[in-house]
Amino acid sequence: MSSKPASAVIQDLQAHNLFELVERVRARRGVCLTELCGRTRSQNVVAARHEVWWLIRNHPERRYSLQEIAHLFGNNHATVWSGLQAHQRRQLAIAPSTRESKG
């Protein structure tokens, strides 16, 4: 795993016009930007980071590869893949309760 400082991650996100997406997730989840773009492993920060990865992967204007996302965040593609799977599991776990509350 490469060590990429949060400031470099933020710079790359800005260069790819992804900073606003990251900022929306950060603000909604109440996490610090440098933690989200860094190596912090607390559960709420990791969940937010995984959501960002999912949103980048499914970006409406351009589909980013696992390698591209990994490069942006200074990780490897397997870490990103694992994070995307974890995000999907979390979404499936909350989906039934969301449907019940609407019905």
PDB file of N, CA and C in Angstrom:
ATOM      1  N   MET A   1       0.847  -1.172   0.000  1.00  0.00           N
ATOM      2  CA  MET A   1       0.000   0.000   0.000  1.00  0.00           C
ATOM      3  C   MET A   1       0.892   1.234   0.000  1.00  0.00           C
ATOM      4  N   SER A   2       0.603   2.154  -0.923  1.00  0.00           N
ATOM      5  CA  SER A   2       1.407   3.374  -0.956  1.00  0.00           C
ATOM      6  C   SER A   2       0.902   4.342   0.098  1.00  0.00           C
ATOM      7  N   SER A   3       1.773   5.210   0.510  1.00  0.00           N
ATOM      8  CA  SER A   3       1.405   6.205   1.505  1.00  0.00           C
ATOM      9  C   SER A   3       1.244   7.542   0.800  1.00  0.00           C
ATOM     10  N   LYS A   4      -0.006   7.970   0.657  1.00  0.00           N
ATOM     11  CA  LYS A   4      -0.293   9.229  -0.021  1.00  0.00           C
ATOM     12  C   LYS A   4      -0.945  10.157   0.995  1.00  0.00           C
ATOM     13  N   PRO A   5      -0.365  11.307   1.253  1.00  0.00           N
ATOM     14  CA  PRO A   5      -0.949  12.204   2.254  1.00  0.00           C
ATOM     15  C   PRO A   5      -2.317  12.713   1.821  1.00  0.00           C
ATOM     16  N   ALA A   6      -3.154  13.007   2.809  1.00  0.00           N
ATOM     17  CA  ALA A   6      -4.512  13.492   2.538  1.00  0.00           C
ATOM     18  C   ALA A   6      -4.495  14.722   1.646  1.00  0.00           C
ATOM     19  N   SER A   7      -3.529  15.585   1.834  1.00  0.00           N
ATOM     20  CA  SER A   7      -3.459  16.807   1.008  1.00  0.00           C
ATOM     21  C   SER A   7      -3.282  16.467  -0.472  1.00  0.00           C
ATOM     22  N   ALA A   8      -2.524  15.427  -0.775  1.00  0.00           N
ATOM     23  CA  ALA A   8      -2.332  15.005  -2.168  1.00  0.00           C
ATOM     24  C   ALA A   8      -3.605  14.375  -2.718  1.00  0.00           C
ATOM     25  N   VAL A   9      -4.319  13.629  -1.879  1.00  0.00           N
ATOM     26  CA  VAL A   9      -5.596  13.036  -2.290  1.00  0.00           C
ATOM     27  C   VAL A   9      -6.577  14.150  -2.631  1.00  0.00           C
ATOM     28  N   ILE A  10      -6.666  15.143  -1.761  1.00  0.00           N
ATOM     29  CA  ILE A  10      -7.574  16.271  -1.974  1.00  0.00           C
ATOM     30  C   ILE A  10      -7.229  16.994  -3.269  1.00  0.00           C
ATOM     31  N   GLN A  11      -5.956  17.197  -3.502  1.00  0.00           N
ATOM     32  CA  GLN A  11      -5.503  17.857  -4.733  1.00  0.00           C
ATOM     33  C   GLN A  11      -5.920  17.063  -5.972  1.00  0.00           C
ATOM     34  N   ASP A  12      -5.746  15.748  -5.929  1.00  0.00           N
ATOM     35  CA  ASP A  12      -6.134  14.900  -7.059  1.00  0.00           C
ATOM     36  C   ASP A  12      -7.641  14.911  -7.271  1.00  0.00           C
ATOM     37  N   LEU A  13      -8.408  14.890  -6.180  1.00  0.00           N
ATOM     38  CA  LEU A  13      -9.868  14.937  -6.297  1.00  0.00           C
ATOM     39  C   LEU A  13     -10.314  16.247  -6.945  1.00  0.00           C
ATOM     40  N   GLN A  14      -9.672  17.343  -6.573  1.00  0.00           N
ATOM     41  CA  GLN A  14      -9.980  18.637  -7.186  1.00  0.00           C
ATOM     42  C   GLN A  14      -9.628  18.624  -8.676  1.00  0.00           C
ATOM     43  N   ALA A  15      -8.506  18.048  -9.023  1.00  0.00           N
ATOM     44  CA  ALA A  15      -8.067  17.996 -10.418  1.00  0.00           C
ATOM     45  C   ALA A  15      -9.025  17.179 -11.289  1.00  0.00           C
ATOM     46  N   HIS A  16      -9.717  16.197 -10.668  1.00  0.00           N
ATOM     47  CA  HIS A  16     -10.662  15.355 -11.402  1.00  0.00           C
ATOM     48  C   HIS A  16     -12.115  15.820 -11.225  1.00  0.00           C
ATOM     49  N   ASN A  17     -12.291  17.014 -10.656  1.00  0.00           N
ATOM     50  CA  ASN A  17     -13.636  17.568 -10.410  1.00  0.00           C
ATOM     51  C   ASN A  17     -14.504  16.645  -9.562  1.00  0.00           C
ATOM     52  N   LEU A  18     -13.894  16.000  -8.575  1.00  0.00           N
ATOM     53  CA  LEU A  18     -14.613  15.096  -7.677  1.00  0.00           C
ATOM     54  C   LEU A  18     -14.710  15.656  -6.261  1.00  0.00           C
ATOM     55  N   PHE A  19     -14.120  16.807  -6.021  1.00  0.00           N
ATOM     56  CA  PHE A  19     -14.070  17.346  -4.665  1.00  0.00           C
ATOM     57  C   PHE A  19     -15.463  17.648  -4.122  1.00  0.00           C
ATOM     58  N   GLU A  20     -16.346  18.188  -4.943  1.00  0.00           N
ATOM     59  CA  GLU A  20     -17.698  18.524  -4.488  1.00  0.00           C
ATOM     60  C   GLU A  20     -18.453  17.274  -4.032  1.00  0.00           C
ATOM     61  N   LEU A  21     -18.293  16.185  -4.757  1.00  0.00           N
ATOM     62  CA  LEU A  21     -18.907  14.911  -4.387  1.00  0.00           C
ATOM     63  C   LEU A  21     -18.411  14.474  -3.009  1.00  0.00           C
ATOM     64  N   VAL A  22     -17.110  14.539  -2.809  1.00  0.00           N
ATOM     65  CA  VAL A  22     -16.508  14.145  -1.531  1.00  0.00           C
ATOM     66  C   VAL A  22     -16.989  15.069  -0.414  1.00  0.00           C
ATOM     67  N   GLU A  23     -17.063  16.335  -0.701  1.00  0.00           N
ATOM     68  CA  GLU A  23     -17.501  17.309   0.307  1.00  0.00           C
ATOM     69  C   GLU A  23     -18.951  17.067   0.732  1.00  0.00           C
ATOM     70  N   ARG A  24     -19.808  16.692  -0.208  1.00  0.00           N
ATOM     71  CA  ARG A  24     -21.207  16.387   0.144  1.00  0.00           C
ATOM     72  C   ARG A  24     -21.294  15.201   1.098  1.00  0.00           C
ATOM     73  N   VAL A  25     -20.553  14.147   0.808  1.00  0.00           N
ATOM     74  CA  VAL A  25     -20.551  12.963   1.677  1.00  0.00           C
ATOM     75  C   VAL A  25     -19.958  13.325   3.038  1.00  0.00           C
ATOM     76  N   ARG A  26     -18.873  14.060   3.035  1.00  0.00           N
ATOM     77  CA  ARG A  26     -18.213  14.458   4.278  1.00  0.00           C
ATOM     78  C   ARG A  26     -19.153  15.259   5.168  1.00  0.00           C
ATOM     79  N   ALA A  27     -19.829  16.234   4.593  1.00  0.00           N
ATOM     80  CA  ALA A  27     -20.724  17.087   5.377  1.00  0.00           C
ATOM     81  C   ALA A  27     -21.922  16.299   5.908  1.00  0.00           C
ATOM     82  N   ARG A  28     -22.507  15.451   5.066  1.00  0.00           N
ATOM     83  CA  ARG A  28     -23.678  14.676   5.488  1.00  0.00           C
ATOM     84  C   ARG A  28     -23.329  13.683   6.590  1.00  0.00           C
ATOM     85  N   ARG A  29     -22.153  13.101   6.497  1.00  0.00           N
ATOM     86  CA  ARG A  29     -21.751  12.092   7.486  1.00  0.00           C
ATOM     87  C   ARG A  29     -21.013  12.688   8.684  1.00  0.00           C
ATOM     88  N   GLY A  30     -20.661  13.966   8.591  1.00  0.00           N
ATOM     89  CA  GLY A  30     -20.013  14.632   9.714  1.00  0.00           C
ATOM     90  C   GLY A  30     -18.608  14.150  10.012  1.00  0.00           C
ATOM     91  N   VAL A  31     -17.837  13.893   8.965  1.00  0.00           N
ATOM     92  CA  VAL A  31     -16.452  13.461   9.158  1.00  0.00           C
ATOM     93  C   VAL A  31     -15.507  14.541   8.647  1.00  0.00           C
ATOM     94  N   CYS A  32     -14.308  14.518   9.131  1.00  0.00           N
ATOM     95  CA  CYS A  32     -13.277  15.483   8.755  1.00  0.00           C
ATOM     96  C   CYS A  32     -12.713  15.122   7.377  1.00  0.00           C
ATOM     97  N   LEU A  33     -12.513  16.118   6.543  1.00  0.00           N
ATOM     98  CA  LEU A  33     -12.013  15.901   5.191  1.00  0.00           C
ATOM     99  C   LEU A  33     -10.660  15.199   5.185  1.00  0.00           C
ATOM    100  N   THR A  34      -9.754  15.617   6.044  1.00  0.00           N
ATOM    101  CA  THR A  34      -8.423  14.992   6.040  1.00  0.00           C
ATOM    102  C   THR A  34      -8.495  13.543   6.514  1.00  0.00           C
ATOM    103  N   GLU A  35      -9.449  13.223   7.394  1.00  0.00           N
ATOM    104  CA  GLU A  35      -9.627  11.822   7.798  1.00  0.00           C
ATOM    105  C   GLU A  35     -10.215  11.004   6.655  1.00  0.00           C
ATOM    106  N   LEU A  36     -11.208  11.573   5.983  1.00  0.00           N
ATOM    107  CA  LEU A  36     -11.857  10.879   4.871  1.00  0.00           C
ATOM    108  C   LEU A  36     -10.859  10.578   3.753  1.00  0.00           C
ATOM    109  N   CYS A  37      -9.963  11.509   3.496  1.00  0.00           N
ATOM    110  CA  CYS A  37      -8.980  11.354   2.424  1.00  0.00           C
ATOM    111  C   CYS A  37      -7.670  10.749   2.912  1.00  0.00           C
ATOM    112  N   GLY A  38      -7.582  10.449   4.180  1.00  0.00           N
ATOM    113  CA  GLY A  38      -6.360   9.900   4.760  1.00  0.00           C
ATOM    114  C   GLY A  38      -6.470   8.425   5.085  1.00  0.00           C
ATOM    115  N   ARG A  39      -5.827   8.023   6.152  1.00  0.00           N
ATOM    116  CA  ARG A  39      -5.735   6.614   6.542  1.00  0.00           C
ATOM    117  C   ARG A  39      -6.567   6.259   7.778  1.00  0.00           C
ATOM    118  N   THR A  40      -7.365   7.187   8.282  1.00  0.00           N
ATOM    119  CA  THR A  40      -8.168   6.925   9.478  1.00  0.00           C
ATOM    120  C   THR A  40      -9.037   5.701   9.258  1.00  0.00           C
ATOM    121  N   ARG A  41      -9.101   4.833  10.284  1.00  0.00           N
ATOM    122  CA  ARG A  41      -9.837   3.581  10.146  1.00  0.00           C
ATOM    123  C   ARG A  41     -11.034   3.486  11.078  1.00  0.00           C
ATOM    124  N   SER A  42     -11.485   4.610  11.649  1.00  0.00           N
ATOM    125  CA  SER A  42     -12.679   4.537  12.496  1.00  0.00           C
ATOM    126  C   SER A  42     -13.884   4.197  11.608  1.00  0.00           C
ATOM    127  N   GLN A  43     -14.843   3.509  12.189  1.00  0.00           N
ATOM    128  CA  GLN A  43     -15.958   2.944  11.433  1.00  0.00           C
ATOM    129  C   GLN A  43     -16.722   3.994  10.619  1.00  0.00           C
ATOM    130  N   ASN A  44     -17.022   5.141  11.221  1.00  0.00           N
ATOM    131  CA  ASN A  44     -17.803   6.151  10.494  1.00  0.00           C
ATOM    132  C   ASN A  44     -17.012   6.759   9.340  1.00  0.00           C
ATOM    133  N   VAL A  45     -15.720   6.936   9.516  1.00  0.00           N
ATOM    134  CA  VAL A  45     -14.882   7.491   8.437  1.00  0.00           C
ATOM    135  C   VAL A  45     -14.726   6.467   7.311  1.00  0.00           C
ATOM    136  N   VAL A  46     -14.507   5.223   7.662  1.00  0.00           N
ATOM    137  CA  VAL A  46     -14.351   4.174   6.656  1.00  0.00           C
ATOM    138  C   VAL A  46     -15.641   4.026   5.848  1.00  0.00           C
ATOM    139  N   ALA A  47     -16.792   4.056   6.516  1.00  0.00           N
ATOM    140  CA  ALA A  47     -18.070   3.947   5.802  1.00  0.00           C
ATOM    141  C   ALA A  47     -18.242   5.117   4.837  1.00  0.00           C
ATOM    142  N   ALA A  48     -17.866   6.307   5.262  1.00  0.00           N
ATOM    143  CA  ALA A  48     -17.953   7.480   4.387  1.00  0.00           C
ATOM    144  C   ALA A  48     -17.002   7.331   3.199  1.00  0.00           C
ATOM    145  N   ARG A  49     -15.799   6.854   3.449  1.00  0.00           N
ATOM    146  CA  ARG A  49     -14.809   6.657   2.370  1.00  0.00           C
ATOM    147  C   ARG A  49     -15.323   5.629   1.362  1.00  0.00           C
ATOM    148  N   HIS A  50     -15.904   4.549   1.859  1.00  0.00           N
ATOM    149  CA  HIS A  50     -16.459   3.535   0.967  1.00  0.00           C
ATOM    150  C   HIS A  50     -17.595   4.110   0.127  1.00  0.00           C
ATOM    151  N   GLU A  51     -18.431   4.955   0.724  1.00  0.00           N
ATOM    152  CA  GLU A  51     -19.503   5.596  -0.029  1.00  0.00           C
ATOM    153  C   GLU A  51     -18.932   6.486  -1.132  1.00  0.00           C
ATOM    154  N   VAL A  52     -17.893   7.235  -0.806  1.00  0.00           N
ATOM    155  CA  VAL A  52     -17.240   8.086  -1.812  1.00  0.00           C
ATOM    156  C   VAL A  52     -16.717   7.224  -2.955  1.00  0.00           C
ATOM    157  N   TRP A  53     -16.061   6.135  -2.623  1.00  0.00           N
ATOM    158  CA  TRP A  53     -15.543   5.249  -3.664  1.00  0.00           C
ATOM    159  C   TRP A  53     -16.679   4.742  -4.542  1.00  0.00           C
ATOM    160  N   TRP A  54     -17.796   4.357  -3.935  1.00  0.00           N
ATOM    161  CA  TRP A  54     -18.938   3.851  -4.688  1.00  0.00           C
ATOM    162  C   TRP A  54     -19.477   4.938  -5.618  1.00  0.00           C
ATOM    163  N   LEU A  55     -19.598   6.155  -5.112  1.00  0.00           N
ATOM    164  CA  LEU A  55     -20.101   7.256  -5.928  1.00  0.00           C
ATOM    165  C   LEU A  55     -19.150   7.582  -7.084  1.00  0.00           C
ATOM    166  N   ILE A  56     -17.860   7.511  -6.825  1.00  0.00           N
ATOM    167  CA  ILE A  56     -16.881   7.751  -7.891  1.00  0.00           C
ATOM    168  C   ILE A  56     -16.957   6.624  -8.929  1.00  0.00           C
ATOM    169  N   ARG A  57     -17.032   5.405  -8.472  1.00  0.00           N
ATOM    170  CA  ARG A  57     -17.111   4.245  -9.372  1.00  0.00           C
ATOM    171  C   ARG A  57     -18.347   4.341 -10.264  1.00  0.00           C
ATOM    172  N   ASN A  58     -19.455   4.841  -9.714  1.00  0.00           N
ATOM    173  CA  ASN A  58     -20.721   4.941 -10.437  1.00  0.00           C
ATOM    174  C   ASN A  58     -21.011   6.377 -10.874  1.00  0.00           C
ATOM    175  N   HIS A  59     -19.978   7.138 -11.100  1.00  0.00           N
ATOM    176  CA  HIS A  59     -20.116   8.539 -11.494  1.00  0.00           C
ATOM    177  C   HIS A  59     -20.919   8.645 -12.794  1.00  0.00           C
ATOM    178  N   PRO A  60     -21.891   9.569 -12.848  1.00  0.00           N
ATOM    179  CA  PRO A  60     -22.750   9.640 -14.037  1.00  0.00           C
ATOM    180  C   PRO A  60     -22.036  10.102 -15.314  1.00  0.00           C
ATOM    181  N   GLU A  61     -20.951  10.829 -15.174  1.00  0.00           N
ATOM    182  CA  GLU A  61     -20.254  11.346 -16.350  1.00  0.00           C
ATOM    183  C   GLU A  61     -19.098  10.470 -16.819  1.00  0.00           C
ATOM    184  N   ARG A  62     -18.554   9.678 -15.898  1.00  0.00           N
ATOM    185  CA  ARG A  62     -17.385   8.866 -16.245  1.00  0.00           C
ATOM    186  C   ARG A  62     -17.255   7.732 -15.255  1.00  0.00           C
ATOM    187  N   ARG A  63     -17.144   6.519 -15.735  1.00  0.00           N
ATOM    188  CA  ARG A  63     -16.984   5.367 -14.854  1.00  0.00           C
ATOM    189  C   ARG A  63     -15.492   5.177 -14.566  1.00  0.00           C
ATOM    190  N   TYR A  64     -15.120   5.410 -13.334  1.00  0.00           N
ATOM    191  CA  TYR A  64     -13.726   5.256 -12.909  1.00  0.00           C
ATOM    192  C   TYR A  64     -13.444   3.787 -12.620  1.00  0.00           C
ATOM    193  N   SER A  65     -12.275   3.320 -13.020  1.00  0.00           N
ATOM    194  CA  SER A  65     -11.868   1.937 -12.751  1.00  0.00           C
ATOM    195  C   SER A  65     -11.426   1.808 -11.296  1.00  0.00           C
ATOM    196  N   LEU A  66     -11.336   0.581 -10.835  1.00  0.00           N
ATOM    197  CA  LEU A  66     -10.842   0.327  -9.478  1.00  0.00           C
ATOM    198  C   LEU A  66      -9.426   0.875  -9.326  1.00  0.00           C
ATOM    199  N   GLN A  67      -8.607   0.693 -10.357  1.00  0.00           N
ATOM    200  CA  GLN A  67      -7.231   1.177 -10.311  1.00  0.00           C
ATOM    201  C   GLN A  67      -7.187   2.709 -10.235  1.00  0.00           C
ATOM    202  N   GLU A  68      -8.066   3.370 -10.963  1.00  0.00           N
ATOM    203  CA  GLU A  68      -8.089   4.831 -10.936  1.00  0.00           C
ATOM    204  C   GLU A  68      -8.495   5.357  -9.556  1.00  0.00           C
ATOM    205  N   ILE A  69      -9.508   4.736  -8.972  1.00  0.00           N
ATOM    206  CA  ILE A  69      -9.948   5.149  -7.635  1.00  0.00           C
ATOM    207  C   ILE A  69      -8.837   4.874  -6.626  1.00  0.00           C
ATOM    208  N   ALA A  70      -8.220   3.705  -6.743  1.00  0.00           N
ATOM    209  CA  ALA A  70      -7.120   3.351  -5.843  1.00  0.00           C
ATOM    210  C   ALA A  70      -5.989   4.366  -5.958  1.00  0.00           C
ATOM    211  N   HIS A  71      -5.664   4.753  -7.170  1.00  0.00           N
ATOM    212  CA  HIS A  71      -4.597   5.734  -7.384  1.00  0.00           C
ATOM    213  C   HIS A  71      -4.955   7.084  -6.752  1.00  0.00           C
ATOM    214  N   LEU A  72      -6.209   7.507  -6.901  1.00  0.00           N
ATOM    215  CA  LEU A  72      -6.645   8.776  -6.308  1.00  0.00           C
ATOM    216  C   LEU A  72      -6.424   8.797  -4.798  1.00  0.00           C
ATOM    217  N   PHE A  73      -6.701   7.662  -4.139  1.00  0.00           N
ATOM    218  CA  PHE A  73      -6.649   7.598  -2.676  1.00  0.00           C
ATOM    219  C   PHE A  73      -5.373   6.953  -2.133  1.00  0.00           C
ATOM    220  N   GLY A  74      -4.457   6.564  -3.010  1.00  0.00           N
ATOM    221  CA  GLY A  74      -3.201   5.972  -2.557  1.00  0.00           C
ATOM    222  C   GLY A  74      -3.380   4.573  -1.991  1.00  0.00           C
ATOM    223  N   ASN A  75      -4.313   3.822  -2.563  1.00  0.00           N
ATOM    224  CA  ASN A  75      -4.562   2.440  -2.148  1.00  0.00           C
ATOM    225  C   ASN A  75      -4.297   1.507  -3.314  1.00  0.00           C
ATOM    226  N   ASN A  76      -4.635   0.242  -3.138  1.00  0.00           N
ATOM    227  CA  ASN A  76      -4.580  -0.678  -4.257  1.00  0.00           C
ATOM    228  C   ASN A  76      -6.011  -1.053  -4.654  1.00  0.00           C
ATOM    229  N   HIS A  77      -6.163  -1.623  -5.824  1.00  0.00           N
ATOM    230  CA  HIS A  77      -7.505  -1.902  -6.340  1.00  0.00           C
ATOM    231  C   HIS A  77      -8.267  -2.896  -5.477  1.00  0.00           C
ATOM    232  N   ALA A  78      -7.562  -3.816  -4.828  1.00  0.00           N
ATOM    233  CA  ALA A  78      -8.236  -4.805  -3.973  1.00  0.00           C
ATOM    234  C   ALA A  78      -8.875  -4.132  -2.754  1.00  0.00           C
ATOM    235  N   THR A  79      -8.221  -3.119  -2.225  1.00  0.00           N
ATOM    236  CA  THR A  79      -8.778  -2.369  -1.098  1.00  0.00           C
ATOM    237  C   THR A  79     -10.051  -1.653  -1.528  1.00  0.00           C
ATOM    238  N   VAL A  80     -10.018  -1.057  -2.697  1.00  0.00           N
ATOM    239  CA  VAL A  80     -11.197  -0.357  -3.213  1.00  0.00           C
ATOM    240  C   VAL A  80     -12.325  -1.358  -3.457  1.00  0.00           C
ATOM    241  N   TRP A  81     -12.009  -2.478  -4.067  1.00  0.00           N
ATOM    242  CA  TRP A  81     -13.012  -3.517  -4.333  1.00  0.00           C
ATOM    243  C   TRP A  81     -13.666  -3.973  -3.033  1.00  0.00           C
ATOM    244  N   SER A  82     -12.878  -4.215  -2.030  1.00  0.00           N
ATOM    245  CA  SER A  82     -13.397  -4.626  -0.729  1.00  0.00           C
ATOM    246  C   SER A  82     -14.303  -3.543  -0.135  1.00  0.00           C
ATOM    247  N   GLY A  83     -13.888  -2.288  -0.270  1.00  0.00           N
ATOM    248  CA  GLY A  83     -14.688  -1.181   0.231  1.00  0.00           C
ATOM    249  C   GLY A  83     -16.018  -1.044  -0.483  1.00  0.00           C
ATOM    250  N   LEU A  84     -16.012  -1.258  -1.796  1.00  0.00           N
ATOM    251  CA  LEU A  84     -17.249  -1.199  -2.569  1.00  0.00           C
ATOM    252  C   LEU A  84     -18.207  -2.304  -2.147  1.00  0.00           C
ATOM    253  N   GLN A  85     -17.676  -3.493  -1.915  1.00  0.00           N
ATOM    254  CA  GLN A  85     -18.512  -4.603  -1.455  1.00  0.00           C
ATOM    255  C   GLN A  85     -19.081  -4.319  -0.065  1.00  0.00           C
ATOM    256  N   ALA A  86     -18.271  -3.761   0.819  1.00  0.00           N
ATOM    257  CA  ALA A  86     -18.737  -3.420   2.169  1.00  0.00           C
ATOM    258  C   ALA A  86     -19.841  -2.368   2.102  1.00  0.00           C
ATOM    259  N   HIS A  87     -19.687  -1.391   1.230  1.00  0.00           N
ATOM    260  CA  HIS A  87     -20.714  -0.349   1.071  1.00  0.00           C
ATOM    261  C   HIS A  87     -22.022  -0.969   0.595  1.00  0.00           C
ATOM    262  N   GLN A  88     -21.947  -1.867  -0.374  1.00  0.00           N
ATOM    263  CA  GLN A  88     -23.156  -2.523  -0.870  1.00  0.00           C
ATOM    264  C   GLN A  88     -23.826  -3.349   0.226  1.00  0.00           C
ATOM    265  N   ARG A  89     -23.046  -4.061   1.030  1.00  0.00           N
ATOM    266  CA  ARG A  89     -23.624  -4.840   2.137  1.00  0.00           C
ATOM    267  C   ARG A  89     -24.344  -3.927   3.112  1.00  0.00           C
ATOM    268  N   ARG A  90     -23.737  -2.787   3.438  1.00  0.00           N
ATOM    269  CA  ARG A  90     -24.378  -1.837   4.355  1.00  0.00           C
ATOM    270  C   ARG A  90     -25.682  -1.315   3.758  1.00  0.00           C
ATOM    271  N   GLN A  91     -25.675  -1.025   2.461  1.00  0.00           N
ATOM    272  CA  GLN A  91     -26.881  -0.514   1.812  1.00  0.00           C
ATOM    273  C   GLN A  91     -27.996  -1.562   1.813  1.00  0.00           C
ATOM    274  N   LEU A  92     -27.650  -2.810   1.565  1.00  0.00           N
ATOM    275  CA  LEU A  92     -28.647  -3.881   1.587  1.00  0.00           C
ATOM    276  C   LEU A  92     -29.200  -4.096   2.989  1.00  0.00           C
ATOM    277  N   ALA A  93     -28.359  -3.905   3.981  1.00  0.00           N
ATOM    278  CA  ALA A  93     -28.796  -4.101   5.375  1.00  0.00           C
ATOM    279  C   ALA A  93     -29.781  -3.024   5.813  1.00  0.00           C
ATOM    280  N   ILE A  94     -29.657  -1.809   5.285  1.00  0.00           N
ATOM    281  CA  ILE A  94     -30.574  -0.750   5.701  1.00  0.00           C
ATOM    282  C   ILE A  94     -31.777  -0.632   4.773  1.00  0.00           C
ATOM    283  N   ALA A  95     -31.711  -1.216   3.588  1.00  0.00           N
ATOM    284  CA  ALA A  95     -32.795  -1.091   2.619  1.00  0.00           C
ATOM    285  C   ALA A  95     -34.142  -1.613   3.139  1.00  0.00           C
ATOM    286  N   PRO A  96     -34.214  -2.793   3.778  1.00  0.00           N
ATOM    287  CA  PRO A  96     -35.526  -3.259   4.255  1.00  0.00           C
ATOM    288  C   PRO A  96     -36.164  -2.314   5.274  1.00  0.00           C
ATOM    289  N   SER A  97     -35.397  -1.777   6.190  1.00  0.00           N
ATOM    290  CA  SER A  97     -35.960  -0.864   7.188  1.00  0.00           C
ATOM    291  C   SER A  97     -36.421   0.428   6.546  1.00  0.00           C
ATOM    292  N   THR A  98     -35.750   0.849   5.477  1.00  0.00           N
ATOM    293  CA  THR A  98     -36.161   2.058   4.765  1.00  0.00           C
ATOM    294  C   THR A  98     -37.492   1.826   4.071  1.00  0.00           C
ATOM    295  N   ARG A  99     -37.643   0.655   3.454  1.00  0.00           N
ATOM    296  CA  ARG A  99     -38.900   0.348   2.768  1.00  0.00           C
ATOM    297  C   ARG A  99     -40.053   0.255   3.762  1.00  0.00           C
ATOM    298  N   GLU A 100     -39.816  -0.347   4.923  1.00  0.00           N
ATOM    299  CA  GLU A 100     -40.873  -0.485   5.933  1.00  0.00           C
ATOM    300  C   GLU A 100     -41.334   0.867   6.430  1.00  0.00           C
ATOM    301  N   SER A 101     -40.415   1.802   6.627  1.00  0.00           N
ATOM    302  CA  SER A 101     -40.783   3.095   7.161  1.00  0.00           C
ATOM    303  C   SER A 101     -41.568   3.928   6.145  1.00  0.00           C
ATOM    304  N   LYS A 102     -41.417   3.625   4.862  1.00  0.00           N
ATOM    305  CA  LYS A 102     -42.152   4.362   3.832  1.00  0.00           C
ATOM    306  C   LYS A 102     -43.523   3.776   3.586  1.00  0.00           C
ATOM    307  N   GLY A 103     -43.686   2.515   3.938  1.00  0.00           N
ATOM    308  CA  GLY A 103     -44.936   1.820   3.610  1.00  0.00           C
ATOM    309  C   GLY A 103     -45.892   1.935   4.685  1.00  0.00           C
TER     310      GLY A 103
END
